[in-house]
Structures are given as C-alpha cells and as structure tokens.
C-alpha cells in the first residue's frame, strides 16, 4: 500500500520500487537522493479522477504504479530495455 501524504506527496515502500526496477531495496533511497532514480506523480482527471500515477525510472527500466485515493495499487507496469537505455520520451511524465 502506498501512503498518501497530507501535502500531496507519496511514500512508496523501497521494496516496491526495488522490485519494479530490479535493484536492491536497501539502495533505493540513496539512488533517489543521487538522482539515479527519476520520479514523477500525476493526479487523474476526468474518468481517472481519484487516482494517481507514480513513475520511477532508471536509465534502463521504468516502473509505473496507478494508485487509488486510499493508496491501493490498481495497476502496475514495467518497461525494461535490458542493457539499452530507455527511449527519450519514456522518462517524461505521461509518456507511454
């Protein structure tokens, strides 16, 4: 479960991010601080109102979580380019 903060931020367990990006959960916080993991969040509009899309990406892999207003994950997707870098648009918020 994802914790939704009062200020509109999110707390995502390192284990969830690590599993999705294939990195050790113990390394997640340091990689986030170093900028090696890019993050973005978007609030749903229209039919998606009440949901949030959280994106975490490294040079080669992207994890996208869609969570509801309670913080439950309603969908999860991973884009993995193996040893190749992610295409330019895949690290931007909203990129498919």
N, C-alpha and C. Protein backbone atom coordinates (compact mmCIF):
# COMPACT_ATOMS: atom_id res chain seq x y z
N UNK A 1 0.84 -1.18 0.00
CA UNK A 1 0.00 0.00 0.00
C UNK A 1 0.89 1.25 0.00
N UNK A 2 0.46 2.24 -0.73
CA UNK A 2 1.19 3.50 -0.86
C UNK A 2 0.55 4.50 0.10
N UNK A 3 1.39 5.21 0.85
CA UNK A 3 0.87 6.22 1.77
C UNK A 3 0.77 7.56 1.04
N UNK A 4 -0.43 8.16 1.11
CA UNK A 4 -0.64 9.47 0.50
C UNK A 4 -0.49 10.51 1.61
N UNK A 5 0.46 11.41 1.44
CA UNK A 5 0.78 12.40 2.46
C UNK A 5 -0.21 13.57 2.42
N UNK A 6 -0.34 14.28 3.53
CA UNK A 6 -1.21 15.45 3.63
C UNK A 6 -0.82 16.54 2.61
N UNK A 7 0.47 16.66 2.32
CA UNK A 7 0.95 17.70 1.42
C UNK A 7 0.86 17.29 -0.06
N UNK A 8 0.26 16.13 -0.33
CA UNK A 8 0.11 15.67 -1.70
C UNK A 8 1.23 14.77 -2.18
N UNK A 9 2.23 14.53 -1.33
CA UNK A 9 3.31 13.62 -1.68
C UNK A 9 2.91 12.17 -1.43
N UNK A 10 3.81 11.27 -1.73
CA UNK A 10 3.56 9.84 -1.58
C UNK A 10 4.74 9.17 -0.91
N UNK A 11 4.46 8.15 -0.11
CA UNK A 11 5.50 7.31 0.45
C UNK A 11 5.30 5.92 -0.13
N UNK A 12 6.29 5.49 -0.90
CA UNK A 12 6.23 4.19 -1.55
C UNK A 12 7.31 3.33 -0.92
N UNK A 13 6.97 2.13 -0.45
CA UNK A 13 7.98 1.27 0.16
C UNK A 13 9.15 1.00 -0.80
N UNK A 14 10.36 1.05 -0.26
CA UNK A 14 11.55 0.79 -1.07
C UNK A 14 11.49 -0.58 -1.72
N UNK A 15 10.85 -1.53 -1.06
CA UNK A 15 10.74 -2.89 -1.63
C UNK A 15 9.93 -2.87 -2.92
N UNK A 16 8.90 -2.04 -2.98
CA UNK A 16 8.06 -1.95 -4.18
C UNK A 16 8.87 -1.34 -5.33
N UNK A 17 9.57 -0.25 -5.04
CA UNK A 17 10.39 0.39 -6.08
C UNK A 17 11.53 -0.54 -6.51
N UNK A 18 12.21 -1.13 -5.54
CA UNK A 18 13.32 -2.02 -5.84
C UNK A 18 12.91 -3.20 -6.70
N UNK A 19 11.79 -3.81 -6.34
CA UNK A 19 11.30 -4.95 -7.12
C UNK A 19 11.00 -4.54 -8.55
N UNK A 20 10.33 -3.42 -8.72
CA UNK A 20 9.96 -2.97 -10.06
C UNK A 20 11.14 -2.58 -10.91
N UNK A 21 12.16 -2.01 -10.30
CA UNK A 21 13.33 -1.54 -11.05
C UNK A 21 14.49 -2.53 -11.03
N UNK A 22 14.28 -3.68 -10.38
CA UNK A 22 15.31 -4.71 -10.26
C UNK A 22 16.57 -4.19 -9.59
N UNK A 23 16.38 -3.50 -8.47
CA UNK A 23 17.51 -3.05 -7.67
C UNK A 23 17.25 -3.43 -6.22
N UNK A 24 18.28 -3.49 -5.43
CA UNK A 24 18.16 -3.84 -4.02
C UNK A 24 17.40 -2.74 -3.29
N UNK A 25 16.40 -3.12 -2.52
CA UNK A 25 15.59 -2.15 -1.77
C UNK A 25 16.46 -1.28 -0.87
N UNK A 26 17.54 -1.83 -0.35
CA UNK A 26 18.44 -1.07 0.53
C UNK A 26 19.13 0.07 -0.22
N UNK A 27 19.19 0.00 -1.54
CA UNK A 27 19.86 1.03 -2.34
C UNK A 27 18.91 2.11 -2.84
N UNK A 28 17.61 1.91 -2.71
CA UNK A 28 16.63 2.81 -3.31
C UNK A 28 16.78 4.24 -2.82
N UNK A 29 16.82 4.47 -1.54
CA UNK A 29 16.86 5.83 -1.01
C UNK A 29 18.09 6.59 -1.50
N UNK A 30 19.24 5.95 -1.46
CA UNK A 30 20.47 6.61 -1.92
C UNK A 30 20.39 6.93 -3.41
N UNK A 31 19.84 6.02 -4.20
CA UNK A 31 19.71 6.27 -5.64
C UNK A 31 18.73 7.40 -5.93
N UNK A 32 17.66 7.48 -5.14
CA UNK A 32 16.71 8.60 -5.28
C UNK A 32 17.41 9.92 -4.98
N UNK A 33 18.15 9.97 -3.88
CA UNK A 33 18.86 11.20 -3.49
C UNK A 33 19.90 11.60 -4.53
N UNK A 34 20.54 10.62 -5.14
CA UNK A 34 21.58 10.89 -6.13
C UNK A 34 21.00 11.24 -7.50
N UNK A 35 19.69 11.08 -7.66
CA UNK A 35 19.07 11.37 -8.95
C UNK A 35 19.17 10.23 -9.94
N UNK A 36 19.64 9.07 -9.50
CA UNK A 36 19.76 7.91 -10.39
C UNK A 36 18.40 7.26 -10.63
N UNK A 37 17.43 7.56 -9.78
CA UNK A 37 16.05 7.15 -10.00
C UNK A 37 15.25 8.43 -10.15
N UNK A 38 14.66 8.62 -11.33
CA UNK A 38 13.80 9.78 -11.58
C UNK A 38 12.39 9.43 -11.14
N UNK A 39 11.67 10.42 -10.63
CA UNK A 39 10.30 10.18 -10.17
C UNK A 39 9.36 11.25 -10.71
N UNK A 40 8.11 10.87 -10.84
CA UNK A 40 7.07 11.84 -11.16
C UNK A 40 5.74 11.30 -10.64
N UNK A 41 4.82 12.22 -10.39
CA UNK A 41 3.47 11.82 -9.99
C UNK A 41 2.47 12.70 -10.70
N UNK A 42 1.33 12.11 -11.03
CA UNK A 42 0.28 12.82 -11.73
C UNK A 42 -1.05 12.44 -11.12
N UNK A 43 -1.93 13.41 -10.95
CA UNK A 43 -3.28 13.16 -10.45
C UNK A 43 -4.20 12.91 -11.64
N UNK A 44 -5.06 11.91 -11.50
CA UNK A 44 -6.01 11.60 -12.55
C UNK A 44 -7.05 12.70 -12.71
N UNK A 45 -7.52 12.89 -13.93
CA UNK A 45 -8.58 13.85 -14.23
C UNK A 45 -9.68 13.14 -14.99
N UNK A 46 -10.86 13.74 -15.04
CA UNK A 46 -11.97 13.15 -15.77
C UNK A 46 -12.32 11.78 -15.21
N UNK A 47 -12.38 10.79 -16.07
CA UNK A 47 -12.72 9.42 -15.65
C UNK A 47 -11.70 8.84 -14.68
N UNK A 48 -10.51 9.38 -14.66
CA UNK A 48 -9.45 8.89 -13.77
C UNK A 48 -9.33 9.67 -12.47
N UNK A 49 -10.26 10.60 -12.23
CA UNK A 49 -10.22 11.40 -11.01
C UNK A 49 -10.20 10.48 -9.79
N UNK A 50 -9.37 10.80 -8.81
CA UNK A 50 -9.25 9.97 -7.61
C UNK A 50 -8.15 8.94 -7.69
N UNK A 51 -7.43 8.92 -8.82
CA UNK A 51 -6.29 8.02 -8.95
C UNK A 51 -5.03 8.85 -9.16
N UNK A 52 -3.90 8.22 -8.94
CA UNK A 52 -2.62 8.88 -9.11
C UNK A 52 -1.69 7.94 -9.85
N UNK A 53 -0.88 8.49 -10.77
CA UNK A 53 0.10 7.69 -11.49
C UNK A 53 1.48 8.07 -10.97
N UNK A 54 2.19 7.10 -10.44
CA UNK A 54 3.53 7.30 -9.90
C UNK A 54 4.52 6.59 -10.80
N UNK A 55 5.53 7.31 -11.24
CA UNK A 55 6.51 6.75 -12.17
C UNK A 55 7.91 6.85 -11.57
N UNK A 56 8.64 5.76 -11.65
CA UNK A 56 10.02 5.67 -11.18
C UNK A 56 10.83 5.11 -12.34
N UNK A 57 11.93 5.76 -12.68
CA UNK A 57 12.72 5.23 -13.79
C UNK A 57 14.21 5.38 -13.56
N UNK A 58 14.91 4.40 -14.06
CA UNK A 58 16.36 4.42 -14.11
C UNK A 58 16.74 4.54 -15.58
N UNK A 59 17.99 4.45 -15.86
CA UNK A 59 18.45 4.58 -17.25
C UNK A 59 17.85 3.50 -18.17
N UNK A 60 17.57 2.31 -17.62
CA UNK A 60 17.16 1.19 -18.46
C UNK A 60 15.77 0.63 -18.15
N UNK A 61 15.12 1.13 -17.12
CA UNK A 61 13.87 0.49 -16.67
C UNK A 61 12.93 1.53 -16.09
N UNK A 62 11.62 1.35 -16.33
CA UNK A 62 10.61 2.24 -15.77
C UNK A 62 9.53 1.43 -15.07
N UNK A 63 9.18 1.87 -13.86
CA UNK A 63 8.08 1.29 -13.08
C UNK A 63 6.99 2.33 -13.01
N UNK A 64 5.77 1.95 -13.33
CA UNK A 64 4.63 2.86 -13.23
C UNK A 64 3.55 2.19 -12.37
N UNK A 65 3.12 2.91 -11.35
CA UNK A 65 2.05 2.45 -10.46
C UNK A 65 0.87 3.39 -10.57
N UNK A 66 -0.32 2.85 -10.66
CA UNK A 66 -1.54 3.65 -10.55
C UNK A 66 -2.17 3.26 -9.23
N UNK A 67 -2.41 4.27 -8.38
CA UNK A 67 -2.98 4.02 -7.06
C UNK A 67 -4.29 4.78 -6.92
N UNK A 68 -5.19 4.22 -6.10
CA UNK A 68 -6.46 4.91 -5.84
C UNK A 68 -6.29 5.87 -4.67
N UNK A 69 -7.37 6.54 -4.30
CA UNK A 69 -7.33 7.56 -3.25
C UNK A 69 -6.98 6.99 -1.88
N UNK A 70 -7.09 5.67 -1.71
CA UNK A 70 -6.72 5.03 -0.44
C UNK A 70 -5.26 4.55 -0.44
N UNK A 71 -4.61 4.65 -1.58
CA UNK A 71 -3.22 4.21 -1.68
C UNK A 71 -3.06 2.78 -2.14
N UNK A 72 -4.15 2.14 -2.54
CA UNK A 72 -4.06 0.77 -3.06
C UNK A 72 -3.61 0.80 -4.51
N UNK A 73 -2.69 -0.07 -4.87
CA UNK A 73 -2.21 -0.16 -6.24
C UNK A 73 -3.28 -0.84 -7.09
N UNK A 74 -3.75 -0.12 -8.13
CA UNK A 74 -4.77 -0.69 -9.01
C UNK A 74 -4.18 -1.21 -10.31
N UNK A 75 -2.99 -0.71 -10.67
CA UNK A 75 -2.26 -1.30 -11.80
C UNK A 75 -0.77 -1.01 -11.65
N UNK A 76 0.00 -1.89 -12.26
CA UNK A 76 1.46 -1.81 -12.19
C UNK A 76 2.00 -2.23 -13.54
N UNK A 77 2.94 -1.45 -14.07
CA UNK A 77 3.57 -1.84 -15.33
C UNK A 77 5.06 -1.55 -15.25
N UNK A 78 5.82 -2.35 -15.99
CA UNK A 78 7.26 -2.19 -16.04
C UNK A 78 7.68 -2.19 -17.50
N UNK A 79 8.54 -1.25 -17.83
CA UNK A 79 9.13 -1.18 -19.16
C UNK A 79 10.62 -1.43 -18.96
N UNK A 80 11.14 -2.49 -19.58
CA UNK A 80 12.53 -2.89 -19.37
C UNK A 80 13.24 -2.98 -20.72
N UNK A 81 14.29 -2.20 -20.88
CA UNK A 81 15.06 -2.22 -22.10
C UNK A 81 16.38 -2.96 -21.94
N UNK A 82 16.49 -3.75 -20.87
CA UNK A 82 17.69 -4.55 -20.67
C UNK A 82 18.93 -3.68 -20.58
N UNK A 83 19.90 -3.93 -21.45
CA UNK A 83 21.15 -3.16 -21.40
C UNK A 83 21.06 -1.87 -22.22
N UNK A 84 19.98 -1.68 -22.96
CA UNK A 84 19.79 -0.47 -23.76
C UNK A 84 19.13 0.61 -22.91
N UNK A 85 19.43 1.88 -23.16
CA UNK A 85 18.76 2.95 -22.41
C UNK A 85 17.30 3.08 -22.85
N UNK A 86 16.48 3.56 -21.93
CA UNK A 86 15.08 3.84 -22.27
C UNK A 86 15.03 4.87 -23.38
N UNK A 87 14.09 4.76 -24.31
CA UNK A 87 13.93 5.80 -25.34
C UNK A 87 13.64 7.15 -24.67
N UNK A 88 14.00 8.25 -25.30
CA UNK A 88 13.91 9.57 -24.69
C UNK A 88 12.55 9.91 -24.05
N UNK A 89 11.45 9.62 -24.68
CA UNK A 89 10.14 10.01 -24.15
C UNK A 89 9.64 9.18 -22.98
N UNK A 90 10.25 8.07 -22.68
CA UNK A 90 9.72 7.18 -21.65
C UNK A 90 10.01 7.62 -20.23
N UNK A 91 10.88 8.58 -20.03
CA UNK A 91 11.17 9.07 -18.69
C UNK A 91 10.32 10.28 -18.33
N UNK A 92 9.63 10.84 -19.31
CA UNK A 92 8.77 12.00 -19.07
C UNK A 92 7.45 11.57 -18.48
N UNK A 93 6.88 12.39 -17.58
CA UNK A 93 5.53 12.10 -17.08
C UNK A 93 4.55 12.04 -18.25
N UNK A 94 3.67 11.07 -18.20
CA UNK A 94 2.64 10.93 -19.22
C UNK A 94 3.08 10.22 -20.48
N UNK A 95 4.36 9.94 -20.62
CA UNK A 95 4.82 9.25 -21.83
C UNK A 95 4.37 7.79 -21.77
N UNK A 96 4.00 7.28 -22.90
CA UNK A 96 3.52 5.90 -22.97
C UNK A 96 4.64 4.97 -23.36
